[in-house]
């Protein structure tokens, strides 16, 4: 009887042995796996970082360009980038899961890999809630639920803490510059806009329809933000002294590595931005 009892206990406490994993990805497709993935090719940098976050980095066979964090990720083989993939290299790795992005020049290649029978999970988290959900989903996909849930809970708690600390402070009108030529910003349906709000700011272009719209210099001047945030050392705004942000000495710089990826590390970048915005408030008082 002992082997039978042992087998029953195994079935009770490891449900993936008898139940499929079914998850809906970020384009609405349902992925079904009969067991947690063990051989993953991550085709998007944020997914690589998230897998390491939940202690599933050992399952990654290869990744793509710009997947550079944590340092261990830099040692992984590269099978392409946002524009093109080395499909022969991917096939040779015999992955049981591909994690892909929602757009880019490699979409046709991903479709062909899917047609060959390789499971594909598409990931493109846009909000805090999406990041938390993705962490938990990756935990299910890899069988690392306990670690993933712990990281997701901590991320949620960190966001709540920053929101309580800064979210109700005097509102600052903020222009967030993603790129300088052309001028690219972000609308309100993005986690960076949520960071601005969490820090007690108002994204002056939150109401634009596209997630990352191009805006004109004249539009920024017309909005006359109290704070301008750039993702690099950009002193060009100094030539517009009529802007409140220039008068307020509120030209703030952020690190793209800790602000532009939908991963828990954005808490670090958000904390620094919130503190910098608070210093602007103090100067304006």
C-alpha atoms as a PDB file:
ATOM      1  CA  UNK A   1       0.000   0.000   0.000  1.00  0.00           C
ATOM      2  CA  UNK A   2       2.878   2.393   0.658  1.00  0.00           C
ATOM      3  CA  UNK A   3       3.689   3.141  -3.020  1.00  0.00           C
ATOM      4  CA  UNK A   4      -0.005   3.761  -3.692  1.00  0.00           C
ATOM      5  CA  UNK A   5      -0.320   6.157  -0.755  1.00  0.00           C
ATOM      6  CA  UNK A   6       2.867   7.966  -1.804  1.00  0.00           C
ATOM      7  CA  UNK A   7       1.500   8.373  -5.315  1.00  0.00           C
ATOM      8  CA  UNK A   8      -1.790   9.768  -4.051  1.00  0.00           C
ATOM      9  CA  UNK A   9       0.019  12.284  -1.838  1.00  0.00           C
ATOM     10  CA  UNK A  10       2.124  13.361  -4.812  1.00  0.00           C
ATOM     11  CA  UNK A  11      -0.999  13.948  -6.903  1.00  0.00           C
ATOM     12  CA  UNK A  12      -2.638  15.957  -4.133  1.00  0.00           C
ATOM     13  CA  UNK A  13       0.319  18.253  -3.490  1.00  0.00           C
ATOM     14  CA  UNK A  14       1.616  18.667  -7.066  1.00  0.00           C
ATOM     15  CA  UNK A  15      -1.567  19.403  -9.028  1.00  0.00           C
ATOM     16  CA  UNK A  16       0.279  20.173 -12.263  1.00  0.00           C
ATOM     17  CA  UNK A  17       0.824  16.431 -12.686  1.00  0.00           C
ATOM     18  CA  UNK A  18      -2.856  16.024 -13.449  1.00  0.00           C
ATOM     19  CA  UNK A  19      -4.126  19.486 -14.349  1.00  0.00           C
ATOM     20  CA  UNK A  20      -3.076  21.601 -17.328  1.00  0.00           C
ATOM     21  CA  UNK A  21      -1.718  25.115 -16.817  1.00  0.00           C
ATOM     22  CA  UNK A  22      -4.035  27.513 -18.663  1.00  0.00           C
ATOM     23  CA  UNK A  23      -3.230  31.220 -18.812  1.00  0.00           C
ATOM     24  CA  UNK A  24      -4.422  34.107 -20.985  1.00  0.00           C
ATOM     25  CA  UNK A  25      -1.554  36.259 -22.239  1.00  0.00           C
ATOM     26  CA  UNK A  26      -1.410  39.975 -23.064  1.00  0.00           C
ATOM     27  CA  UNK A  27      -2.890  39.612 -26.545  1.00  0.00           C
ATOM     28  CA  UNK A  28      -5.789  37.476 -25.296  1.00  0.00           C
ATOM     29  CA  UNK A  29      -4.435  34.108 -26.414  1.00  0.00           C
ATOM     30  CA  UNK A  30      -4.829  31.143 -24.073  1.00  0.00           C
ATOM     31  CA  UNK A  31      -1.678  29.129 -23.488  1.00  0.00           C
ATOM     32  CA  UNK A  32      -2.043  25.557 -22.249  1.00  0.00           C
ATOM     33  CA  UNK A  33       0.901  23.604 -20.820  1.00  0.00           C
ATOM     34  CA  UNK A  34       0.648  20.077 -19.435  1.00  0.00           C
ATOM     35  CA  UNK A  35       3.439  20.828 -16.949  1.00  0.00           C
ATOM     36  CA  UNK A  36       5.595  23.804 -15.901  1.00  0.00           C
ATOM     37  CA  UNK A  37       8.111  24.925 -18.501  1.00  0.00           C
ATOM     38  CA  UNK A  38      11.684  23.742 -18.012  1.00  0.00           C
ATOM     39  CA  UNK A  39      13.342  25.058 -21.184  1.00  0.00           C
ATOM     40  CA  UNK A  40      12.499  28.711 -21.815  1.00  0.00           C
ATOM     41  CA  UNK A  41      13.674  31.094 -24.526  1.00  0.00           C
ATOM     42  CA  UNK A  42      12.883  34.646 -23.430  1.00  0.00           C
ATOM     43  CA  UNK A  43      12.455  36.933 -26.426  1.00  0.00           C
ATOM     44  CA  UNK A  44      11.896  40.148 -24.479  1.00  0.00           C
ATOM     45  CA  UNK A  45      14.245  41.784 -21.921  1.00  0.00           C
ATOM     46  CA  UNK A  46      11.677  42.449 -19.219  1.00  0.00           C
ATOM     47  CA  UNK A  47      10.591  38.799 -19.241  1.00  0.00           C
ATOM     48  CA  UNK A  48      14.184  37.696 -18.694  1.00  0.00           C
ATOM     49  CA  UNK A  49      14.492  39.980 -15.686  1.00  0.00           C
ATOM     50  CA  UNK A  50      11.129  38.867 -14.275  1.00  0.00           C
ATOM     51  CA  UNK A  51      12.133  35.206 -14.533  1.00  0.00           C
ATOM     52  CA  UNK A  52      15.278  35.923 -12.546  1.00  0.00           C
ATOM     53  CA  UNK A  53      13.175  37.883 -10.043  1.00  0.00           C
ATOM     54  CA  UNK A  54      11.126  34.767  -9.266  1.00  0.00           C
ATOM     55  CA  UNK A  55      14.156  32.432  -9.093  1.00  0.00           C
ATOM     56  CA  UNK A  56      13.462  30.885 -12.488  1.00  0.00           C
ATOM     57  CA  UNK A  57      16.558  32.169 -14.257  1.00  0.00           C
ATOM     58  CA  UNK A  58      17.990  28.657 -14.318  1.00  0.00           C
ATOM     59  CA  UNK A  59      15.239  27.691 -16.772  1.00  0.00           C
ATOM     60  CA  UNK A  60      16.278  30.228 -19.426  1.00  0.00           C
ATOM     61  CA  UNK A  61      18.195  28.726 -22.347  1.00  0.00           C
ATOM     62  CA  UNK A  62      18.674  31.970 -24.291  1.00  0.00           C
ATOM     63  CA  UNK A  63      17.426  35.518 -24.563  1.00  0.00           C
ATOM     64  CA  UNK A  64      17.723  38.593 -26.800  1.00  0.00           C
ATOM     65  CA  UNK A  65      19.664  41.857 -27.047  1.00  0.00           C
ATOM     66  CA  UNK A  66      19.301  44.350 -24.181  1.00  0.00           C
ATOM     67  CA  UNK A  67      18.404  41.629 -21.662  1.00  0.00           C
ATOM     68  CA  UNK A  68      21.224  42.731 -19.391  1.00  0.00           C
ATOM     69  CA  UNK A  69      19.857  42.431 -15.861  1.00  0.00           C
ATOM     70  CA  UNK A  70      20.627  40.821 -13.517  1.00  0.00           C
ATOM     71  CA  UNK A  71      24.331  40.321 -14.363  1.00  0.00           C
ATOM     72  CA  UNK A  72      23.739  36.574 -14.802  1.00  0.00           C
ATOM     73  CA  UNK A  73      21.491  37.381 -17.764  1.00  0.00           C
ATOM     74  CA  UNK A  74      24.485  38.840 -19.608  1.00  0.00           C
ATOM     75  CA  UNK A  75      25.964  35.348 -19.824  1.00  0.00           C
ATOM     76  CA  UNK A  76      22.989  33.877 -21.669  1.00  0.00           C
ATOM     77  CA  UNK A  77      23.221  33.107 -25.411  1.00  0.00           C
ATOM     78  CA  UNK A  78      21.509  35.657 -27.687  1.00  0.00           C
ATOM     79  CA  UNK A  79      19.051  34.555 -30.354  1.00  0.00           C
ATOM     80  CA  UNK A  80      18.124  37.900 -31.871  1.00  0.00           C
ATOM     81  CA  UNK A  81      16.524  41.193 -30.952  1.00  0.00           C
ATOM     82  CA  UNK A  82      13.336  43.231 -31.291  1.00  0.00           C
ATOM     83  CA  UNK A  83      13.589  43.212 -35.085  1.00  0.00           C
ATOM     84  CA  UNK A  84      14.770  39.706 -36.023  1.00  0.00           C
ATOM     85  CA  UNK A  85      15.354  36.275 -34.502  1.00  0.00           C
ATOM     86  CA  UNK A  86      17.691  33.398 -35.238  1.00  0.00           C
ATOM     87  CA  UNK A  87      14.950  30.815 -35.586  1.00  0.00           C
ATOM     88  CA  UNK A  88      17.374  27.983 -36.344  1.00  0.00           C
ATOM     89  CA  UNK A  89      19.175  28.624 -33.061  1.00  0.00           C
ATOM     90  CA  UNK A  90      15.868  28.719 -31.197  1.00  0.00           C
ATOM     91  CA  UNK A  91      14.694  25.436 -32.713  1.00  0.00           C
ATOM     92  CA  UNK A  92      18.023  23.784 -31.900  1.00  0.00           C
ATOM     93  CA  UNK A  93      17.502  24.601 -28.217  1.00  0.00           C
ATOM     94  CA  UNK A  94      14.247  22.602 -28.152  1.00  0.00           C
ATOM     95  CA  UNK A  95      12.409  25.026 -25.859  1.00  0.00           C
ATOM     96  CA  UNK A  96       9.124  24.127 -24.237  1.00  0.00           C
ATOM     97  CA  UNK A  97       8.131  27.808 -23.881  1.00  0.00           C
ATOM     98  CA  UNK A  98       8.818  31.033 -25.774  1.00  0.00           C
ATOM     99  CA  UNK A  99       8.025  34.362 -24.120  1.00  0.00           C
ATOM    100  CA  UNK A 100       7.464  37.064 -26.724  1.00  0.00           C
ATOM    101  CA  UNK A 101       6.542  40.747 -27.028  1.00  0.00           C
ATOM    102  CA  UNK A 102       3.351  42.164 -28.534  1.00  0.00           C
ATOM    103  CA  UNK A 103       5.032  44.052 -31.383  1.00  0.00           C
ATOM    104  CA  UNK A 104       8.266  44.349 -33.311  1.00  0.00           C
ATOM    105  CA  UNK A 105       9.839  43.184 -36.526  1.00  0.00           C
ATOM    106  CA  UNK A 106      10.163  39.591 -35.310  1.00  0.00           C
ATOM    107  CA  UNK A 107       6.421  38.915 -35.035  1.00  0.00           C
ATOM    108  CA  UNK A 108       6.268  36.897 -38.276  1.00  0.00           C
ATOM    109  CA  UNK A 109       9.111  34.688 -37.075  1.00  0.00           C
ATOM    110  CA  UNK A 110       7.330  34.126 -33.764  1.00  0.00           C
ATOM    111  CA  UNK A 111       4.181  33.173 -35.665  1.00  0.00           C
ATOM    112  CA  UNK A 112       6.150  30.602 -37.641  1.00  0.00           C
ATOM    113  CA  UNK A 113       7.629  29.163 -34.447  1.00  0.00           C
ATOM    114  CA  UNK A 114       4.126  28.917 -33.006  1.00  0.00           C
ATOM    115  CA  UNK A 115       2.981  27.142 -36.162  1.00  0.00           C
ATOM    116  CA  UNK A 116       5.784  24.614 -35.643  1.00  0.00           C
ATOM    117  CA  UNK A 117       4.241  23.769 -32.290  1.00  0.00           C
ATOM    118  CA  UNK A 118       6.320  25.832 -29.876  1.00  0.00           C
ATOM    119  CA  UNK A 119       4.179  27.277 -27.047  1.00  0.00           C
ATOM    120  CA  UNK A 120       4.262  31.094 -27.014  1.00  0.00           C
ATOM    121  CA  UNK A 121       3.250  33.380 -24.163  1.00  0.00           C
ATOM    122  CA  UNK A 122       3.058  37.063 -25.136  1.00  0.00           C
ATOM    123  CA  UNK A 123       3.961  39.554 -22.413  1.00  0.00           C
ATOM    124  CA  UNK A 124       3.555  43.342 -22.424  1.00  0.00           C
ATOM    125  CA  UNK A 125       2.617  44.629 -18.938  1.00  0.00           C
ATOM    126  CA  UNK A 126       1.598  48.287 -19.026  1.00  0.00           C
ATOM    127  CA  UNK A 127       0.479  49.042 -15.463  1.00  0.00           C
ATOM    128  CA  UNK A 128       1.394  48.207 -11.870  1.00  0.00           C
ATOM    129  CA  UNK A 129      -1.435  45.666 -11.807  1.00  0.00           C
ATOM    130  CA  UNK A 130      -0.127  44.097 -15.016  1.00  0.00           C
ATOM    131  CA  UNK A 131       3.370  43.729 -13.536  1.00  0.00           C
ATOM    132  CA  UNK A 132       2.015  42.035 -10.420  1.00  0.00           C
ATOM    133  CA  UNK A 133      -0.181  39.742 -12.506  1.00  0.00           C
ATOM    134  CA  UNK A 134       2.697  38.858 -14.839  1.00  0.00           C
ATOM    135  CA  UNK A 135       4.929  37.889 -11.924  1.00  0.00           C
ATOM    136  CA  UNK A 136       2.248  35.484 -10.677  1.00  0.00           C
ATOM    137  CA  UNK A 137       1.649  34.112 -14.184  1.00  0.00           C
ATOM    138  CA  UNK A 138       5.351  33.460 -14.679  1.00  0.00           C
ATOM    139  CA  UNK A 139       5.291  31.621 -11.367  1.00  0.00           C
ATOM    140  CA  UNK A 140       2.553  29.355 -12.695  1.00  0.00           C
ATOM    141  CA  UNK A 141       4.316  28.841 -16.015  1.00  0.00           C
ATOM    142  CA  UNK A 142       7.531  27.760 -14.302  1.00  0.00           C
ATOM    143  CA  UNK A 143       6.260  26.014 -11.180  1.00  0.00           C
ATOM    144  CA  UNK A 144       7.831  28.748  -9.029  1.00  0.00           C
ATOM    145  CA  UNK A 145       4.541  30.025  -7.593  1.00  0.00           C
ATOM    146  CA  UNK A 146       5.772  30.507  -4.043  1.00  0.00           C
ATOM    147  CA  UNK A 147       8.701  32.684  -5.056  1.00  0.00           C
ATOM    148  CA  UNK A 148       6.653  34.583  -7.647  1.00  0.00           C
ATOM    149  CA  UNK A 149       3.830  35.319  -5.224  1.00  0.00           C
ATOM    150  CA  UNK A 150       6.321  36.552  -2.642  1.00  0.00           C
ATOM    151  CA  UNK A 151       7.917  38.945  -5.160  1.00  0.00           C
ATOM    152  CA  UNK A 152       4.503  40.123  -6.398  1.00  0.00           C
ATOM    153  CA  UNK A 153       3.307  40.774  -2.845  1.00  0.00           C
ATOM    154  CA  UNK A 154       6.449  42.772  -2.067  1.00  0.00           C
ATOM    155  CA  UNK A 155       6.102  44.808  -5.264  1.00  0.00           C
ATOM    156  CA  UNK A 156       2.486  45.617  -4.428  1.00  0.00           C
ATOM    157  CA  UNK A 157       3.434  46.597  -0.856  1.00  0.00           C
ATOM    158  CA  UNK A 158       6.249  48.865  -2.109  1.00  0.00           C
ATOM    159  CA  UNK A 159       3.881  50.643  -4.498  1.00  0.00           C
ATOM    160  CA  UNK A 160       1.314  51.088  -1.743  1.00  0.00           C
ATOM    161  CA  UNK A 161       3.969  52.515   0.591  1.00  0.00           C
ATOM    162  CA  UNK A 162       5.136  55.100  -1.951  1.00  0.00           C
ATOM    163  CA  UNK A 163       1.551  56.033  -2.797  1.00  0.00           C
ATOM    164  CA  UNK A 164       0.747  56.647   0.884  1.00  0.00           C
ATOM    165  CA  UNK A 165       3.926  58.689   1.340  1.00  0.00           C
ATOM    166  CA  UNK A 166       3.707  60.936  -1.712  1.00  0.00           C
ATOM    167  CA  UNK A 167       0.405  60.485  -3.528  1.00  0.00           C
ATOM    168  CA  UNK A 168      -1.589  63.076  -1.583  1.00  0.00           C
ATOM    169  CA  UNK A 169       1.041  65.823  -1.634  1.00  0.00           C
ATOM    170  CA  UNK A 170       0.555  69.071  -3.538  1.00  0.00           C
ATOM    171  CA  UNK A 171       0.165  68.144  -7.187  1.00  0.00           C
ATOM    172  CA  UNK A 172       2.934  69.027  -9.635  1.00  0.00           C
ATOM    173  CA  UNK A 173       2.344  69.307 -13.392  1.00  0.00           C
ATOM    174  CA  UNK A 174       4.887  66.948 -15.010  1.00  0.00           C
ATOM    175  CA  UNK A 175       6.155  66.411 -18.542  1.00  0.00           C
ATOM    176  CA  UNK A 176       7.957  63.100 -18.934  1.00  0.00           C
ATOM    177  CA  UNK A 177      10.350  63.027 -21.887  1.00  0.00           C
ATOM    178  CA  UNK A 178      11.125  59.522 -23.108  1.00  0.00           C
ATOM    179  CA  UNK A 179      13.134  60.724 -26.093  1.00  0.00           C
ATOM    180  CA  UNK A 180      14.358  64.123 -27.230  1.00  0.00           C
ATOM    181  CA  UNK A 181      14.385  64.002 -31.050  1.00  0.00           C
ATOM    182  CA  UNK A 182      11.579  63.689 -31.823  1.00  0.00           C
ATOM    183  CA  UNK A 183       9.956  64.510 -28.500  1.00  0.00           C
ATOM    184  CA  UNK A 184       8.294  61.335 -27.209  1.00  0.00           C
ATOM    185  CA  UNK A 185       6.242  61.131 -24.039  1.00  0.00           C
ATOM    186  CA  UNK A 186       3.786  58.676 -22.440  1.00  0.00           C
ATOM    187  CA  UNK A 187       0.056  58.826 -21.895  1.00  0.00           C
ATOM    188  CA  UNK A 188      -1.904  57.971 -18.767  1.00  0.00           C
ATOM    189  CA  UNK A 189      -2.303  54.267 -19.523  1.00  0.00           C
ATOM    190  CA  UNK A 190       1.327  53.445 -18.648  1.00  0.00           C
ATOM    191  CA  UNK A 191       3.177  52.492 -15.496  1.00  0.00           C
ATOM    192  CA  UNK A 192       5.444  55.542 -15.815  1.00  0.00           C
ATOM    193  CA  UNK A 193       2.390  57.788 -15.718  1.00  0.00           C
ATOM    194  CA  UNK A 194       1.276  55.834 -12.657  1.00  0.00           C
ATOM    195  CA  UNK A 195       4.674  56.530 -11.088  1.00  0.00           C
ATOM    196  CA  UNK A 196       4.163  60.262 -11.704  1.00  0.00           C
ATOM    197  CA  UNK A 197       0.747  60.089 -10.016  1.00  0.00           C
ATOM    198  CA  UNK A 198       2.160  58.000  -7.150  1.00  0.00           C
ATOM    199  CA  UNK A 199       4.749  60.740  -6.564  1.00  0.00           C
ATOM    200  CA  UNK A 200       2.011  63.363  -6.364  1.00  0.00           C
ATOM    201  CA  UNK A 201       2.278  64.535  -9.957  1.00  0.00           C
ATOM    202  CA  UNK A 202      -0.030  65.032 -12.924  1.00  0.00           C
ATOM    203  CA  UNK A 203       1.096  63.806 -16.344  1.00  0.00           C
ATOM    204  CA  UNK A 204       0.347  66.786 -18.605  1.00  0.00           C
ATOM    205  CA  UNK A 205      -0.157  64.488 -21.612  1.00  0.00           C
ATOM    206  CA  UNK A 206      -2.094  61.750 -19.831  1.00  0.00           C
ATOM    207  CA  UNK A 207      -5.142  62.232 -22.051  1.00  0.00           C
ATOM    208  CA  UNK A 208      -3.434  61.527 -25.390  1.00  0.00           C
ATOM    209  CA  UNK A 209      -4.750  58.373 -27.109  1.00  0.00           C
ATOM    210  CA  UNK A 210      -1.457  56.671 -27.985  1.00  0.00           C
ATOM    211  CA  UNK A 211       0.665  55.100 -25.215  1.00  0.00           C
ATOM    212  CA  UNK A 212       3.905  56.764 -26.417  1.00  0.00           C
ATOM    213  CA  UNK A 213       2.915  59.763 -28.533  1.00  0.00           C
ATOM    214  CA  UNK A 214       5.155  62.244 -30.283  1.00  0.00           C
ATOM    215  CA  UNK A 215       4.520  65.812 -29.139  1.00  0.00           C
ATOM    216  CA  UNK A 216       5.739  69.182 -30.364  1.00  0.00           C
ATOM    217  CA  UNK A 217       7.933  71.644 -28.516  1.00  0.00           C
ATOM    218  CA  UNK A 218       5.105  74.148 -28.806  1.00  0.00           C
ATOM    219  CA  UNK A 219       2.731  71.730 -27.069  1.00  0.00           C
ATOM    220  CA  UNK A 220       5.130  71.328 -24.141  1.00  0.00           C
ATOM    221  CA  UNK A 221       5.608  75.089 -23.866  1.00  0.00           C
ATOM    222  CA  UNK A 222       1.842  75.539 -23.961  1.00  0.00           C
ATOM    223  CA  UNK A 223       1.408  73.025 -21.124  1.00  0.00           C
ATOM    224  CA  UNK A 224       4.133  74.888 -19.184  1.00  0.00           C
ATOM    225  CA  UNK A 225       4.891  72.011 -16.771  1.00  0.00           C
ATOM    226  CA  UNK A 226       6.271  72.652 -13.308  1.00  0.00           C
ATOM    227  CA  UNK A 227       8.578  69.628 -13.661  1.00  0.00           C
ATOM    228  CA  UNK A 228      10.300  68.115 -16.699  1.00  0.00           C
ATOM    229  CA  UNK A 229      11.658  64.588 -16.322  1.00  0.00           C
ATOM    230  CA  UNK A 230      14.134  63.242 -18.864  1.00  0.00           C
ATOM    231  CA  UNK A 231      15.683  59.805 -19.246  1.00  0.00           C
ATOM    232  CA  UNK A 232      19.169  61.257 -19.669  1.00  0.00           C
ATOM    233  CA  UNK A 233      21.164  64.402 -19.083  1.00  0.00           C
ATOM    234  CA  UNK A 234      19.273  66.867 -21.300  1.00  0.00           C
ATOM    235  CA  UNK A 235      20.168  70.532 -20.754  1.00  0.00           C
ATOM    236  CA  UNK A 236      18.366  71.782 -23.865  1.00  0.00           C
ATOM    237  CA  UNK A 237      15.349  72.895 -21.835  1.00  0.00           C
ATOM    238  CA  UNK A 238      17.455  75.624 -20.240  1.00  0.00           C
ATOM    239  CA  UNK A 239      16.993  77.694 -23.391  1.00  0.00           C
ATOM    240  CA  UNK A 240      13.312  78.123 -22.498  1.00  0.00           C
ATOM    241  CA  UNK A 241      13.490  80.153 -19.253  1.00  0.00           C
ATOM    242  CA  UNK A 242       9.798  81.004 -19.483  1.00  0.00           C
ATOM    243  CA  UNK A 243       8.968  77.401 -18.553  1.00  0.00           C
ATOM    244  CA  UNK A 244       8.030  76.891 -14.916  1.00  0.00           C
ATOM    245  CA  UNK A 245      10.211  73.768 -14.784  1.00  0.00           C
ATOM    246  CA  UNK A 246      13.284  75.821 -15.691  1.00  0.00           C
ATOM    247  CA  UNK A 247      12.417  78.572 -13.223  1.00  0.00           C
ATOM    248  CA  UNK A 248      11.802  75.943 -10.530  1.00  0.00           C
ATOM    249  CA  UNK A 249      15.142  74.241 -11.223  1.00  0.00           C
ATOM    250  CA  UNK A 250      12.977  71.198 -11.792  1.00  0.00           C
ATOM    251  CA  UNK A 251      14.713  69.489 -14.711  1.00  0.00           C
ATOM    252  CA  UNK A 252      14.944  65.991 -13.288  1.00  0.00           C
ATOM    253  CA  UNK A 253      16.901  63.071 -14.706  1.00  0.00           C
ATOM    254  CA  UNK A 254      15.978  59.406 -14.325  1.00  0.00           C
ATOM    255  CA  UNK A 255      17.754  56.155 -15.104  1.00  0.00           C
ATOM    256  CA  UNK A 256      15.955  54.244 -17.909  1.00  0.00           C
ATOM    257  CA  UNK A 257      17.148  50.930 -16.460  1.00  0.00           C
ATOM    258  CA  UNK A 258      15.080  51.511 -13.322  1.00  0.00           C
ATOM    259  CA  UNK A 259      12.155  53.370 -14.871  1.00  0.00           C
ATOM    260  CA  UNK A 260      11.421  52.028 -18.340  1.00  0.00           C
ATOM    261  CA  UNK A 261      11.084  48.291 -17.718  1.00  0.00           C
ATOM    262  CA  UNK A 262       7.942  46.728 -16.215  1.00  0.00           C
ATOM    263  CA  UNK A 263       9.822  44.939 -13.433  1.00  0.00           C
ATOM    264  CA  UNK A 264      10.048  45.315  -9.623  1.00  0.00           C
ATOM    265  CA  UNK A 265      13.285  47.308  -9.991  1.00  0.00           C
ATOM    266  CA  UNK A 266      11.189  50.272 -11.108  1.00  0.00           C
ATOM    267  CA  UNK A 267      10.429  50.804  -7.407  1.00  0.00           C
ATOM    268  CA  UNK A 268      14.019  52.052  -7.052  1.00  0.00           C
ATOM    269  CA  UNK A 269      13.628  54.555  -9.878  1.00  0.00           C
ATOM    270  CA  UNK A 270      10.218  55.621  -8.613  1.00  0.00           C
ATOM    271  CA  UNK A 271      11.546  56.212  -5.102  1.00  0.00           C
ATOM    272  CA  UNK A 272      14.256  58.517  -6.444  1.00  0.00           C
ATOM    273  CA  UNK A 273      11.801  60.417  -8.645  1.00  0.00           C
ATOM    274  CA  UNK A 274       9.344  60.885  -5.773  1.00  0.00           C
ATOM    275  CA  UNK A 275      12.108  62.250  -3.547  1.00  0.00           C
ATOM    276  CA  UNK A 276      13.328  64.613  -6.291  1.00  0.00           C
ATOM    277  CA  UNK A 277       9.799  65.901  -6.891  1.00  0.00           C
ATOM    278  CA  UNK A 278       9.414  66.478  -3.159  1.00  0.00           C
ATOM    279  CA  UNK A 279      12.533  68.641  -3.213  1.00  0.00           C
ATOM    280  CA  UNK A 280      10.934  70.692  -5.991  1.00  0.00           C
ATOM    281  CA  UNK A 281       7.887  71.244  -3.765  1.00  0.00           C
ATOM    282  CA  UNK A 282      10.115  72.475  -0.979  1.00  0.00           C
ATOM    283  CA  UNK A 283      11.810  74.988  -3.297  1.00  0.00           C
ATOM    284  CA  UNK A 284       8.436  76.201  -4.560  1.00  0.00           C
ATOM    285  CA  UNK A 285       7.013  76.781  -1.056  1.00  0.00           C
END
